[in-house]
Amino acid sequence: MLSILIPTYNYTVTALVTEVHRQAVQTNIPFEIIVLDDASTDKESTGQNLTINKLPHCRYEVLEVNSGRSKVRNLLADKAKFDWLLFLDADTMPVSGDFIQKYIPHLSGNEKVVYGGIKYQEEKPQKEKILRWVYGNEREALSVAERKKEPYLSLLTLNFAISKQVFSKVRFNENIPNLRHEDTLFSYELSKEKITVEHIANVVLHLGLDNSRKFLIKSEEAVIGLKYLLDSNLLPPDYVKISGIYKLIKQAGMTGLFRLLFELTAKKFRKNLLGSKPSLFIFDLYRLGYLCSLK
């Protein structure tokens, strides 16, 4: 009935697999757990992950060449033998003890994707990780009611179920750069195919918080990835708020002005974002300015 699919890279997933396996056994459904390692360089994590193969209905495989997030997810789906696929990111953990059971009633019926949601730790982290924590809590850890307002855009591909039938229509695009936003493009393709995204309260806890400097670098990479999608006509500008504003700036012939403003303010903005009280408004301005500065 259910193939649980976990991509990983330089990350030990034994705790996640052990917990999900325990829960799946309790449901008495046919299941398998496949962990696909995207050619990790960390021998310690790969050594620990090999123990996954000792669990019934579980297997851990290591790719010889790094393929990127999109291709790994597609490979996992191709290896799966059951009709429903549950994708989980390596750095997550189910919050409830009946996480798998909560998904089961939704794995039938019309063509759809089922998204359970995400949450972040409640306690404030150390200063160097605050930006990722604030962003995660404000922009990603949304209630079901909030997610339903923008059902496609609020879909994150770290905790979702999809039937093989739907996945055969909408797969992850392997031709785009490995610069994030593959989930944005995936959700847009779902919307084009009019595939329903069903939002349920079945969250996982996000375990690994990047430090603010690393998260800012990843955010810049994501902006580069977004511009690639726009320039390649894979994503309409109005689908994402920041690119919609960017479109208006271009139409008004003000890209050069915003590029100049970004050069003048970038250092000050970074100081705020790397500090103890980062502003998401400044974060949005920074990303918009960075987008305008790209050739």
Protein backbone atom coordinates (compact mmCIF):
# COMPACT_ATOMS: atom_id res chain seq x y z
CA MET A 1 0.00 0.00 0.00
CA LEU A 2 2.63 2.58 1.05
CA SER A 3 6.21 3.26 -0.01
CA ILE A 4 7.96 5.64 2.39
CA LEU A 5 10.72 7.44 0.51
CA ILE A 6 13.58 9.35 2.15
CA PRO A 7 16.35 11.12 0.20
CA THR A 8 19.47 11.89 2.20
CA TYR A 9 22.89 13.46 1.80
CA ASN A 10 25.56 13.53 4.53
CA TYR A 11 22.87 12.95 7.16
CA THR A 12 22.19 10.07 9.52
CA VAL A 13 18.56 8.98 9.18
CA THR A 14 18.53 5.90 11.41
CA ALA A 15 16.38 7.56 14.11
CA LEU A 16 13.81 8.72 11.54
CA VAL A 17 13.65 5.34 9.82
CA THR A 18 13.40 3.44 13.12
CA GLU A 19 10.45 5.57 14.26
CA VAL A 20 8.61 5.49 10.94
CA HIS A 21 9.21 1.74 10.68
CA ARG A 22 7.79 1.20 14.18
CA GLN A 23 4.68 3.16 13.31
CA ALA A 24 4.20 1.45 9.94
CA VAL A 25 4.41 -2.00 11.55
CA GLN A 26 1.69 -0.99 14.02
CA THR A 27 -0.72 -0.08 11.21
CA ASN A 28 -0.56 -3.61 9.75
CA ILE A 29 -0.45 -2.26 6.20
CA PRO A 30 1.91 -3.50 3.46
CA PHE A 31 4.79 -1.01 3.37
CA GLU A 32 8.41 -0.45 2.48
CA ILE A 33 10.94 2.22 3.43
CA ILE A 34 13.54 3.21 0.85
CA VAL A 35 16.39 5.57 1.73
CA LEU A 36 18.41 6.82 -1.23
CA ASP A 37 21.74 8.46 -0.44
CA ASP A 38 22.83 11.04 -3.01
CA ALA A 39 26.53 10.04 -2.98
CA SER A 40 27.33 11.30 0.51
CA THR A 41 30.94 12.21 1.28
CA ASP A 42 30.50 11.72 5.04
CA LYS A 43 31.55 8.14 5.68
CA GLU A 44 30.33 8.23 9.29
CA SER A 45 26.72 8.91 8.28
CA THR A 46 26.78 6.34 5.49
CA GLY A 47 28.21 3.76 7.86
CA GLN A 48 25.44 4.37 10.39
CA ASN A 49 22.76 4.39 7.69
CA LEU A 50 23.81 0.94 6.49
CA THR A 51 22.14 -0.49 9.61
CA ILE A 52 18.79 0.42 8.01
CA ASN A 53 19.15 -2.66 5.81
CA LYS A 54 18.72 -4.84 8.92
CA LEU A 55 15.14 -3.66 9.42
CA PRO A 56 12.39 -5.68 7.70
CA HIS A 57 10.91 -4.00 4.58
CA CYS A 58 13.68 -1.35 4.61
CA ARG A 59 16.58 -0.70 2.31
CA TYR A 60 19.34 1.87 2.08
CA GLU A 61 21.13 2.53 -1.20
CA VAL A 62 23.99 4.88 -2.05
CA LEU A 63 24.26 6.50 -5.48
CA GLU A 64 27.72 6.56 -7.06
CA VAL A 65 27.28 10.10 -8.42
CA ASN A 66 25.55 13.08 -6.83
CA SER A 67 22.33 13.68 -8.76
CA GLY A 68 20.55 16.54 -6.98
CA ARG A 69 17.26 16.82 -5.13
CA SER A 70 14.93 16.46 -8.12
CA LYS A 71 16.50 13.37 -9.66
CA VAL A 72 16.84 11.58 -6.31
CA ARG A 73 13.13 12.00 -5.59
CA ASN A 74 12.25 10.72 -9.06
CA LEU A 75 14.55 7.73 -8.60
CA LEU A 76 12.90 6.94 -5.26
CA ALA A 77 9.47 6.96 -6.92
CA ASP A 78 10.74 4.68 -9.68
CA LYS A 79 12.08 2.19 -7.13
CA ALA A 80 8.83 2.16 -5.10
CA LYS A 81 6.56 -0.86 -5.50
CA PHE A 82 3.35 0.41 -3.86
CA ASP A 83 0.66 2.71 -5.26
CA TRP A 84 1.09 5.48 -2.67
CA LEU A 85 4.34 7.33 -2.02
CA LEU A 86 5.15 9.20 1.19
CA PHE A 87 8.14 11.53 0.84
CA LEU A 88 9.97 12.62 3.99
CA ASP A 89 13.09 14.76 4.23
CA ALA A 90 16.02 13.31 6.13
CA ASP A 91 16.12 16.10 8.73
CA THR A 92 12.52 15.65 9.91
CA MET A 93 10.83 13.60 12.62
CA PRO A 94 7.13 12.79 13.11
CA VAL A 95 5.64 14.74 15.99
CA SER A 96 2.88 12.25 16.79
CA GLY A 97 3.15 8.56 17.55
CA ASP A 98 0.45 7.78 14.98
CA PHE A 99 1.88 9.83 12.13
CA ILE A 100 1.63 7.00 9.57
CA GLN A 101 -1.86 6.04 10.74
CA LYS A 102 -3.07 9.62 10.25
CA TYR A 103 -2.08 9.51 6.58
CA ILE A 104 -3.83 6.22 5.75
CA PRO A 105 -7.48 7.45 5.56
CA HIS A 106 -6.39 10.07 3.00
CA LEU A 107 -4.61 7.65 0.67
CA SER A 108 -7.55 6.92 -1.60
CA GLY A 109 -10.11 8.60 -3.79
CA ASN A 110 -9.56 11.39 -6.27
CA GLU A 111 -6.25 12.39 -7.78
CA LYS A 112 -4.54 14.45 -5.10
CA VAL A 113 -1.47 15.23 -3.07
CA VAL A 114 -1.70 15.13 0.71
CA TYR A 115 0.51 17.49 2.73
CA GLY A 116 0.89 17.09 6.48
CA GLY A 117 2.81 20.25 7.35
CA ILE A 118 5.88 21.14 9.36
CA LYS A 119 6.76 22.70 12.71
CA TYR A 120 9.91 24.12 14.26
CA GLN A 121 11.22 23.98 17.78
CA GLU A 122 9.40 26.29 20.17
CA GLU A 123 12.43 27.39 22.14
CA LYS A 124 14.50 30.21 20.68
CA PRO A 125 17.81 28.89 19.28
CA GLN A 126 21.23 30.42 19.69
CA LYS A 127 21.78 33.79 17.99
CA GLU A 128 23.56 32.40 14.92
CA LYS A 129 20.51 30.29 13.94
CA ILE A 130 17.71 32.78 14.61
CA LEU A 131 17.05 33.82 10.98
CA ARG A 132 16.23 30.26 9.85
CA TRP A 133 14.08 29.70 12.94
CA VAL A 134 12.12 32.94 12.47
CA TYR A 135 11.59 32.28 8.76
CA GLY A 136 10.51 28.70 9.39
CA ASN A 137 8.00 29.63 12.07
CA GLU A 138 6.54 32.61 10.20
CA ARG A 139 6.53 31.34 6.61
CA GLU A 140 6.51 27.54 6.73
CA ALA A 141 4.97 26.27 9.98
CA LEU A 142 1.44 27.23 8.97
CA SER A 143 -1.85 25.90 10.25
CA VAL A 144 -4.13 23.91 7.95
CA ALA A 145 -6.43 26.95 7.63
CA GLU A 146 -3.51 29.18 6.62
CA ARG A 147 -2.17 26.64 4.14
CA LYS A 148 -5.56 26.29 2.47
CA LYS A 149 -5.49 29.98 1.49
CA GLU A 150 -2.67 29.18 -0.95
CA PRO A 151 -2.86 25.40 -1.22
CA TYR A 152 -0.18 25.01 -3.89
CA LEU A 153 2.39 27.54 -2.72
CA SER A 154 2.20 26.31 0.88
CA LEU A 155 3.09 22.76 -0.19
CA LEU A 156 6.59 21.85 0.96
CA THR A 157 8.00 18.61 -0.39
CA LEU A 158 9.43 17.43 2.94
CA ASN A 159 6.29 15.63 4.18
CA PHE A 160 3.74 14.74 1.52
CA ALA A 161 1.96 11.74 0.05
CA ILE A 162 1.19 11.28 -3.63
CA SER A 163 -0.15 8.39 -5.70
CA LYS A 164 2.03 6.84 -8.39
CA GLN A 165 -0.68 7.74 -10.89
CA VAL A 166 -0.36 11.45 -10.09
CA PHE A 167 3.44 11.26 -9.91
CA SER A 168 3.50 9.83 -13.42
CA LYS A 169 1.89 13.10 -14.57
CA VAL A 170 3.89 15.53 -12.43
CA ARG A 171 7.47 14.62 -11.61
CA PHE A 172 10.31 16.75 -10.32
CA ASN A 173 12.09 18.61 -13.11
CA GLU A 174 15.61 17.17 -13.42
CA ASN A 175 16.76 19.74 -15.97
CA ILE A 176 16.76 22.78 -13.68
CA PRO A 177 19.85 23.79 -11.65
CA ASN A 178 20.09 22.25 -8.18
CA LEU A 179 19.41 25.65 -6.58
CA ARG A 180 16.17 24.99 -4.73
CA HIS A 181 12.70 26.07 -5.89
CA GLU A 182 12.22 22.59 -7.34
CA ASP A 183 9.28 22.34 -4.93
CA THR A 184 7.87 25.65 -6.23
CA LEU A 185 7.98 24.36 -9.80
CA PHE A 186 6.51 21.03 -8.67
CA SER A 187 3.56 22.78 -7.00
CA TYR A 188 3.00 24.94 -10.08
CA GLU A 189 2.91 21.85 -12.31
CA LEU A 190 0.34 20.32 -9.94
CA SER A 191 -1.79 23.45 -10.25
CA LYS A 192 -1.60 23.31 -14.05
CA GLU A 193 -2.79 19.70 -13.98
CA LYS A 194 -5.55 20.71 -11.54
CA ILE A 195 -4.35 18.12 -9.01
CA THR A 196 -5.88 18.83 -5.61
CA VAL A 197 -3.53 19.51 -2.70
CA GLU A 198 -5.22 18.26 0.45
CA HIS A 199 -3.87 19.84 3.63
CA ILE A 200 -4.05 17.89 6.87
CA ALA A 201 -2.71 18.36 10.41
CA ASN A 202 0.05 15.73 10.51
CA VAL A 203 3.26 17.64 11.01
CA VAL A 204 6.89 16.66 11.20
CA LEU A 205 9.47 18.51 13.25
CA HIS A 206 12.29 20.16 11.32
CA LEU A 207 15.48 19.06 13.07
CA GLY A 208 18.39 20.81 11.41
CA LEU A 209 18.57 24.61 11.62
CA ASP A 210 21.14 26.21 9.33
CA ASN A 211 23.05 29.09 10.82
CA SER A 212 21.96 32.49 9.52
CA ARG A 213 24.98 32.97 7.27
CA LYS A 214 24.46 29.61 5.57
CA PHE A 215 20.72 30.21 5.25
CA LEU A 216 21.34 33.59 3.64
CA ILE A 217 23.68 31.98 1.10
CA LYS A 218 21.05 29.33 0.35
CA SER A 219 18.44 32.08 -0.02
CA GLU A 220 20.64 33.83 -2.59
CA GLU A 221 21.02 30.53 -4.45
CA ALA A 222 17.24 30.13 -4.36
CA VAL A 223 16.84 33.58 -5.94
CA ILE A 224 19.23 32.54 -8.71
CA GLY A 225 17.17 29.38 -9.16
CA LEU A 226 13.97 31.42 -9.28
CA LYS A 227 15.39 33.71 -11.97
CA TYR A 228 16.34 30.65 -14.02
CA LEU A 229 12.74 29.41 -13.84
CA LEU A 230 11.46 32.83 -14.89
CA ASP A 231 13.96 33.27 -17.73
CA SER A 232 13.20 29.75 -18.97
CA ASN A 233 9.44 30.42 -18.90
CA LEU A 234 8.95 27.46 -16.57
CA LEU A 235 7.23 29.59 -13.96
CA PRO A 236 4.95 32.62 -14.51
CA PRO A 237 6.15 35.73 -12.62
CA ASP A 238 2.88 36.15 -10.76
CA TYR A 239 3.05 32.68 -9.19
CA VAL A 240 5.51 33.79 -6.49
CA LYS A 241 5.10 37.14 -4.73
CA ILE A 242 8.72 38.26 -5.02
CA SER A 243 8.86 37.57 -8.77
CA GLY A 244 5.51 39.33 -9.23
CA ILE A 245 6.98 42.49 -7.70
CA TYR A 246 10.13 42.01 -9.80
CA LYS A 247 7.94 41.90 -12.92
CA LEU A 248 6.35 45.26 -12.00
CA ILE A 249 9.78 46.81 -11.38
CA LYS A 250 10.98 45.64 -14.80
CA GLN A 251 7.85 46.95 -16.50
CA ALA A 252 8.40 50.33 -14.87
CA GLY A 253 12.00 50.40 -16.06
CA MET A 254 13.29 50.66 -12.50
CA THR A 255 15.54 47.60 -12.31
CA GLY A 256 18.67 49.73 -12.42
CA LEU A 257 17.44 51.91 -9.56
CA PHE A 258 16.66 48.87 -7.40
CA ARG A 259 20.05 47.39 -8.26
CA LEU A 260 21.71 50.59 -7.03
CA LEU A 261 19.61 50.66 -3.87
CA PHE A 262 20.58 47.04 -3.20
CA GLU A 263 24.27 47.88 -3.53
CA LEU A 264 23.84 50.74 -1.05
CA THR A 265 21.82 48.79 1.52
CA ALA A 266 23.04 45.18 1.20
CA LYS A 267 25.70 45.46 3.91
CA LYS A 268 23.28 47.02 6.40
CA PHE A 269 20.57 44.50 5.55
CA ARG A 270 22.99 41.59 6.07
CA LYS A 271 23.92 42.98 9.48
CA ASN A 272 20.26 42.86 10.51
CA LEU A 273 19.67 39.39 9.06
CA LEU A 274 22.74 37.94 10.77
CA GLY A 275 21.88 39.58 14.08
CA SER A 276 19.71 38.57 17.01
CA LYS A 277 16.52 40.25 15.76
CA PRO A 278 16.27 39.63 12.01
CA SER A 279 13.39 41.26 10.15
CA LEU A 280 11.57 39.23 7.51
CA PHE A 281 10.56 42.49 5.82
CA ILE A 282 14.25 43.29 5.39
CA PHE A 283 14.82 39.69 4.30
CA ASP A 284 12.22 40.14 1.54
CA LEU A 285 13.76 43.45 0.47
CA TYR A 286 17.20 41.84 0.40
CA ARG A 287 16.01 38.99 -1.84
CA LEU A 288 14.16 41.39 -4.14
CA GLY A 289 17.25 43.60 -4.43
CA TYR A 290 19.42 40.58 -5.08
CA LEU A 291 17.02 39.45 -7.81
CA CYS A 292 17.23 42.88 -9.44
CA SER A 293 21.03 42.77 -9.28
CA LEU A 294 21.27 39.53 -11.28
CA LYS A 295 22.17 39.83 -14.94
